[in-house]
Amino acid sequence: MARLDFSIPDLSGIPSYAAAFALPLLDPDHATPVKVSGPNGKAAARRYNVYRNNVTVSLIEALAATFPATRRITGEDFFRALARSHIRASPPTSPLLFEYGRDFPAFIERYEYAQSLPWLADVARIERAWLDAYHAADVPPLLPQDLASIRPERLGEIVLVPHPATRIVFSPYPAVSIFAANRSSGPVGPIEATGPEAALVTRPALEVTVQILPPGGFTFLDHLIKGETFGEAVAAATAASAEFNLSANIVGMLQAGAFTAIHQGD
């Protein structure tokens, strides 16, 4: 299948024609490059503008496909204006469209007209994590018996290897509940959650799953994912939340397939 390349690469050291053609593509206020011409040397402003519009529309559609909940929350017109502003500020650098939009959540956080939706950027972060989990490598998850085989006195020394699909997102807002309510095409009911939420995004089989972590769960998994020992992660989670329940968190991470292997200390 042919691949459409909308990336704007480093143009230093390449022919001036290519640079002149690529640089104005995402800026409608920039004049058609003088070096671009049609048949018989005629001006090609109309043709170039059609191509420029198609590039922008394709990038907006790519963002819409990656962030459907964000688009549903904001509405179509607002989302397209938001996406267009992002495209002009952050052109793509990869020919793979699914890679585009990694910095979209951070852009939303700064976007002047989204300040009344302070949780919107975190919803977008969960959506980006969902896509990354979807495209991650297939690796068998850690089984409960693998962890049960560790002697209790050595448990605190082990280091867990995160699954390539595992992502965690913390939000000071109920972003996971808002994400879940807006991800489908059905009617959105009232969202009763009001406090902070953390998402665990995994793909234990063929489908990506997103679940809300229990108290202390984000800190626990964050330390494990960073390569700290099991004992260090438990200590950090206990300090972060008096409600941290080790057994519940272990069951949850195993059921979600968040890890793939165990490294034991010497």
Protein backbone atom coordinates (compact mmCIF):
# COMPACT_ATOMS: atom_id res chain seq x y z
CA MET A 1 0.00 0.00 0.00
CA ALA A 2 1.37 3.45 -0.87
CA ARG A 3 2.30 5.67 2.04
CA LEU A 4 1.50 9.36 2.03
CA ASP A 5 4.33 11.39 3.50
CA PHE A 6 3.24 14.69 5.07
CA SER A 7 6.33 15.12 7.24
CA ILE A 8 8.38 18.29 7.08
CA PRO A 9 11.99 17.09 7.35
CA ASP A 10 15.17 18.97 8.11
CA LEU A 11 15.57 20.94 4.91
CA SER A 12 19.15 22.05 5.43
CA GLY A 13 21.47 20.75 2.77
CA ILE A 14 18.75 19.73 0.28
CA PRO A 15 17.92 21.43 -3.04
CA SER A 16 16.35 24.85 -2.69
CA TYR A 17 13.32 23.83 -4.80
CA ALA A 18 12.31 21.17 -2.27
CA ALA A 19 12.73 23.59 0.60
CA ALA A 20 10.74 26.28 -1.18
CA PHE A 21 7.94 23.81 -1.94
CA ALA A 22 7.68 22.27 1.55
CA LEU A 23 8.02 25.19 3.92
CA PRO A 24 4.81 27.10 2.96
CA LEU A 25 2.61 23.97 2.85
CA LEU A 26 1.14 24.44 6.31
CA ASP A 27 0.99 28.24 6.28
CA PRO A 28 -1.93 29.59 4.22
CA ASP A 29 -0.61 33.13 4.63
CA HIS A 30 2.60 32.22 2.83
CA ALA A 31 2.61 32.96 -0.88
CA THR A 32 2.93 30.18 -3.44
CA PRO A 33 6.64 29.51 -3.95
CA VAL A 34 7.87 31.34 -7.07
CA LYS A 35 9.77 28.23 -8.17
CA VAL A 36 6.56 26.19 -8.38
CA SER A 37 5.10 26.36 -11.85
CA GLY A 38 2.64 24.46 -14.00
CA PRO A 39 2.80 23.33 -17.61
CA ASN A 40 4.69 25.65 -19.95
CA GLY A 41 6.07 27.57 -17.00
CA LYS A 42 2.73 29.09 -16.00
CA ALA A 43 2.04 30.08 -12.41
CA ALA A 44 0.63 27.25 -10.28
CA ALA A 45 -0.89 29.11 -7.33
CA ARG A 46 -4.27 27.38 -7.63
CA ARG A 47 -2.76 23.91 -7.96
CA TYR A 48 -0.41 24.51 -5.07
CA ASN A 49 -3.23 25.79 -2.85
CA VAL A 50 -5.31 22.69 -3.59
CA TYR A 51 -2.38 20.51 -2.57
CA ARG A 52 -1.75 22.64 0.51
CA ASN A 53 -5.39 22.34 1.55
CA ASN A 54 -5.34 18.56 1.03
CA VAL A 55 -2.28 18.22 3.26
CA THR A 56 -3.94 20.19 6.07
CA VAL A 57 -7.23 18.30 5.77
CA SER A 58 -5.42 14.95 5.84
CA LEU A 59 -3.53 15.92 9.00
CA ILE A 60 -6.73 17.12 10.68
CA GLU A 61 -8.37 13.79 9.84
CA ALA A 62 -5.36 11.94 11.25
CA LEU A 63 -5.72 13.84 14.55
CA ALA A 64 -9.48 13.22 14.55
CA ALA A 65 -8.88 9.48 14.18
CA THR A 66 -6.40 9.48 17.07
CA PHE A 67 -8.46 11.66 19.40
CA PRO A 68 -12.15 10.78 18.85
CA ALA A 69 -13.18 11.44 22.46
CA THR A 70 -11.47 14.82 22.39
CA ARG A 71 -13.30 15.67 19.17
CA ARG A 72 -16.64 14.56 20.59
CA ILE A 73 -16.16 16.69 23.71
CA THR A 74 -15.23 19.86 21.83
CA GLY A 75 -17.50 19.45 18.83
CA GLU A 76 -16.43 19.22 15.20
CA ASP A 77 -15.87 22.90 14.46
CA PHE A 78 -13.87 23.58 17.61
CA PHE A 79 -11.76 20.46 17.09
CA ARG A 80 -10.90 21.33 13.50
CA ALA A 81 -9.85 24.85 14.54
CA LEU A 82 -7.78 23.38 17.38
CA ALA A 83 -6.19 20.80 15.07
CA ARG A 84 -5.42 23.39 12.40
CA SER A 85 -3.67 25.60 14.95
CA HIS A 86 -1.66 22.62 16.16
CA ILE A 87 -0.64 21.66 12.62
CA ARG A 88 0.72 25.13 11.96
CA ALA A 89 2.60 25.17 15.25
CA SER A 90 3.88 21.57 15.08
CA PRO A 91 4.24 20.13 11.57
CA PRO A 92 4.73 16.37 11.32
CA THR A 93 8.28 15.02 11.33
CA SER A 94 7.49 11.37 10.53
CA PRO A 95 5.94 9.88 7.38
CA LEU A 96 3.80 7.64 9.61
CA LEU A 97 0.50 9.40 10.27
CA PHE A 98 -0.21 7.40 13.45
CA GLU A 99 2.95 8.93 14.92
CA TYR A 100 1.60 12.44 14.47
CA GLY A 101 -0.01 14.15 17.44
CA ARG A 102 2.27 13.08 20.29
CA ASP A 103 2.52 16.70 21.39
CA PHE A 104 -1.16 17.45 20.74
CA PRO A 105 -2.16 17.04 24.43
CA ALA A 106 0.51 19.54 25.49
CA PHE A 107 -0.72 21.93 22.79
CA ILE A 108 -4.29 21.62 24.11
CA GLU A 109 -3.00 22.52 27.56
CA ARG A 110 -1.62 25.79 26.16
CA TYR A 111 -4.45 26.52 23.74
CA GLU A 112 -6.18 29.73 24.74
CA TYR A 113 -9.70 28.63 23.84
CA ALA A 114 -9.49 25.30 25.72
CA GLN A 115 -8.76 26.78 29.14
CA SER A 116 -12.37 26.28 30.23
CA LEU A 117 -11.82 22.50 29.80
CA PRO A 118 -8.77 21.91 32.03
CA TRP A 119 -9.16 18.11 31.84
CA LEU A 120 -9.25 17.98 28.03
CA ALA A 121 -5.47 17.62 27.66
CA ASP A 122 -5.45 14.59 29.99
CA VAL A 123 -8.27 12.96 28.01
CA ALA A 124 -6.10 13.44 24.92
CA ARG A 125 -3.12 11.91 26.76
CA ILE A 126 -5.17 8.79 27.47
CA GLU A 127 -6.19 8.61 23.81
CA ARG A 128 -2.56 8.91 22.71
CA ALA A 129 -1.62 6.16 25.18
CA TRP A 130 -4.44 4.01 23.75
CA LEU A 131 -3.01 4.32 20.23
CA ASP A 132 0.54 3.58 21.39
CA ALA A 133 -0.70 0.49 23.22
CA TYR A 134 -2.56 -0.61 20.10
CA HIS A 135 0.60 -0.45 17.99
CA ALA A 136 2.96 -1.93 20.62
CA ALA A 137 4.75 -5.23 20.12
CA ASP A 138 3.07 -8.50 21.04
CA VAL A 139 4.69 -10.06 24.11
CA PRO A 140 3.20 -12.69 26.45
CA PRO A 141 2.18 -11.08 29.77
CA LEU A 142 3.50 -12.11 33.15
CA LEU A 143 1.44 -14.93 34.66
CA PRO A 144 0.29 -15.05 38.31
CA GLN A 145 2.26 -18.26 38.88
CA ASP A 146 5.44 -16.51 37.74
CA LEU A 147 5.12 -14.03 40.57
CA ALA A 148 3.92 -16.67 43.03
CA SER A 149 7.12 -18.65 42.39
CA ILE A 150 9.26 -15.95 43.99
CA ARG A 151 10.22 -16.69 47.60
CA PRO A 152 8.58 -14.13 49.94
CA GLU A 153 11.92 -12.97 51.34
CA ARG A 154 13.14 -12.14 47.80
CA LEU A 155 9.98 -10.44 46.59
CA GLY A 156 11.14 -6.96 47.54
CA GLU A 157 14.30 -7.34 45.40
CA ILE A 158 12.68 -8.22 42.08
CA VAL A 159 12.35 -5.89 39.13
CA LEU A 160 9.43 -6.28 36.73
CA VAL A 161 9.73 -5.78 32.97
CA PRO A 162 6.82 -3.66 31.65
CA HIS A 163 4.84 -4.87 28.68
CA PRO A 164 5.53 -2.76 25.54
CA ALA A 165 1.86 -1.75 25.51
CA THR A 166 1.72 -0.57 29.12
CA ARG A 167 1.05 3.13 29.67
CA ILE A 168 -0.10 5.05 32.74
CA VAL A 169 -1.63 8.53 32.81
CA PHE A 170 -2.37 10.54 35.95
CA SER A 171 -4.83 13.42 35.96
CA PRO A 172 -5.89 15.76 38.76
CA TYR A 173 -9.33 15.55 37.12
CA PRO A 174 -11.71 12.59 36.45
CA ALA A 175 -10.19 12.30 32.97
CA VAL A 176 -10.55 8.51 32.75
CA SER A 177 -14.29 8.69 33.40
CA ILE A 178 -14.65 11.51 30.88
CA PHE A 179 -12.60 9.55 28.33
CA ALA A 180 -14.72 6.41 28.80
CA ALA A 181 -18.00 8.34 28.50
CA ASN A 182 -16.97 9.99 25.23
CA ARG A 183 -15.06 7.21 23.52
CA SER A 184 -18.15 5.44 22.19
CA SER A 185 -20.87 6.76 19.92
CA GLY A 186 -23.66 6.21 22.45
CA PRO A 187 -25.27 8.93 24.55
CA VAL A 188 -23.14 10.47 27.26
CA GLY A 189 -24.69 10.19 30.70
CA PRO A 190 -23.83 12.20 33.80
CA ILE A 191 -20.28 11.78 35.10
CA GLU A 192 -20.37 11.55 38.87
CA ALA A 193 -16.62 11.34 39.49
CA THR A 194 -15.04 14.61 40.61
CA GLY A 195 -11.60 13.77 41.97
CA PRO A 196 -8.24 12.81 40.43
CA GLU A 197 -7.99 9.62 38.38
CA ALA A 198 -5.14 7.59 36.95
CA ALA A 199 -5.42 5.34 33.91
CA LEU A 200 -3.69 2.04 33.25
CA VAL A 201 -3.64 1.40 29.51
CA THR A 202 -2.64 -2.10 28.36
CA ARG A 203 -3.24 -4.63 25.64
CA PRO A 204 -3.08 -8.07 27.26
CA ALA A 205 -4.59 -9.78 24.21
CA LEU A 206 -5.94 -8.26 21.01
CA GLU A 207 -7.86 -5.36 22.52
CA VAL A 208 -6.62 -2.27 24.32
CA THR A 209 -8.06 -1.84 27.80
CA VAL A 210 -8.22 1.29 29.95
CA GLN A 211 -8.96 1.03 33.65
CA ILE A 212 -8.88 3.37 36.63
CA LEU A 213 -6.08 2.59 39.05
CA PRO A 214 -6.89 2.21 42.76
CA PRO A 215 -5.40 4.55 45.40
CA GLY A 216 -1.61 4.51 45.24
CA GLY A 217 -1.72 2.45 42.06
CA PHE A 218 -0.20 5.11 39.83
CA THR A 219 2.78 5.61 42.14
CA PHE A 220 3.22 1.84 42.50
CA LEU A 221 3.24 1.20 38.75
CA ASP A 222 5.22 4.34 37.96
CA HIS A 223 8.11 3.11 40.13
CA LEU A 224 7.92 -0.41 38.70
CA ILE A 225 7.85 0.83 35.11
CA LYS A 226 10.90 2.99 35.81
CA GLY A 227 12.84 -0.12 36.84
CA GLU A 228 12.78 0.26 40.61
CA THR A 229 12.49 -2.81 42.79
CA PHE A 230 9.20 -4.20 44.00
CA GLY A 231 10.04 -3.16 47.56
CA GLU A 232 10.82 0.41 46.52
CA ALA A 233 7.56 0.65 44.58
CA VAL A 234 5.54 -0.63 47.55
CA ALA A 235 7.22 1.85 49.90
CA ALA A 236 6.56 4.77 47.54
CA ALA A 237 2.91 3.79 47.02
CA THR A 238 2.33 3.36 50.76
CA ALA A 239 3.80 6.80 51.39
CA ALA A 240 1.66 8.31 48.63
CA SER A 241 -1.66 6.88 49.81
CA ALA A 242 -2.82 5.52 53.16
CA GLU A 243 -5.44 3.56 51.18
CA PHE A 244 -2.89 1.65 49.09
CA ASN A 245 -3.84 -2.03 48.96
CA LEU A 246 -0.94 -4.19 47.77
CA SER A 247 -2.98 -7.32 47.07
CA ALA A 248 -5.56 -5.45 44.98
CA ASN A 249 -2.87 -3.72 42.98
CA ILE A 250 -1.00 -6.95 42.28
CA VAL A 251 -4.17 -8.67 41.09
CA GLY A 252 -5.04 -5.68 38.93
CA MET A 253 -1.65 -5.39 37.24
CA LEU A 254 -1.53 -9.13 36.50
CA GLN A 255 -5.05 -9.22 35.10
CA ALA A 256 -4.24 -6.21 32.92
CA GLY A 257 -1.04 -7.82 31.61
CA ALA A 258 1.03 -4.80 32.59
CA PHE A 259 4.32 -6.72 32.85
CA THR A 260 6.04 -9.50 30.95
CA ALA A 261 8.94 -10.84 33.00
CA ILE A 262 10.79 -10.79 36.33
CA HIS A 263 14.41 -9.90 36.96
CA GLN A 264 15.78 -11.14 40.27
CA GLY A 265 18.63 -9.54 42.14
CA ASP A 266 21.83 -11.42 42.81
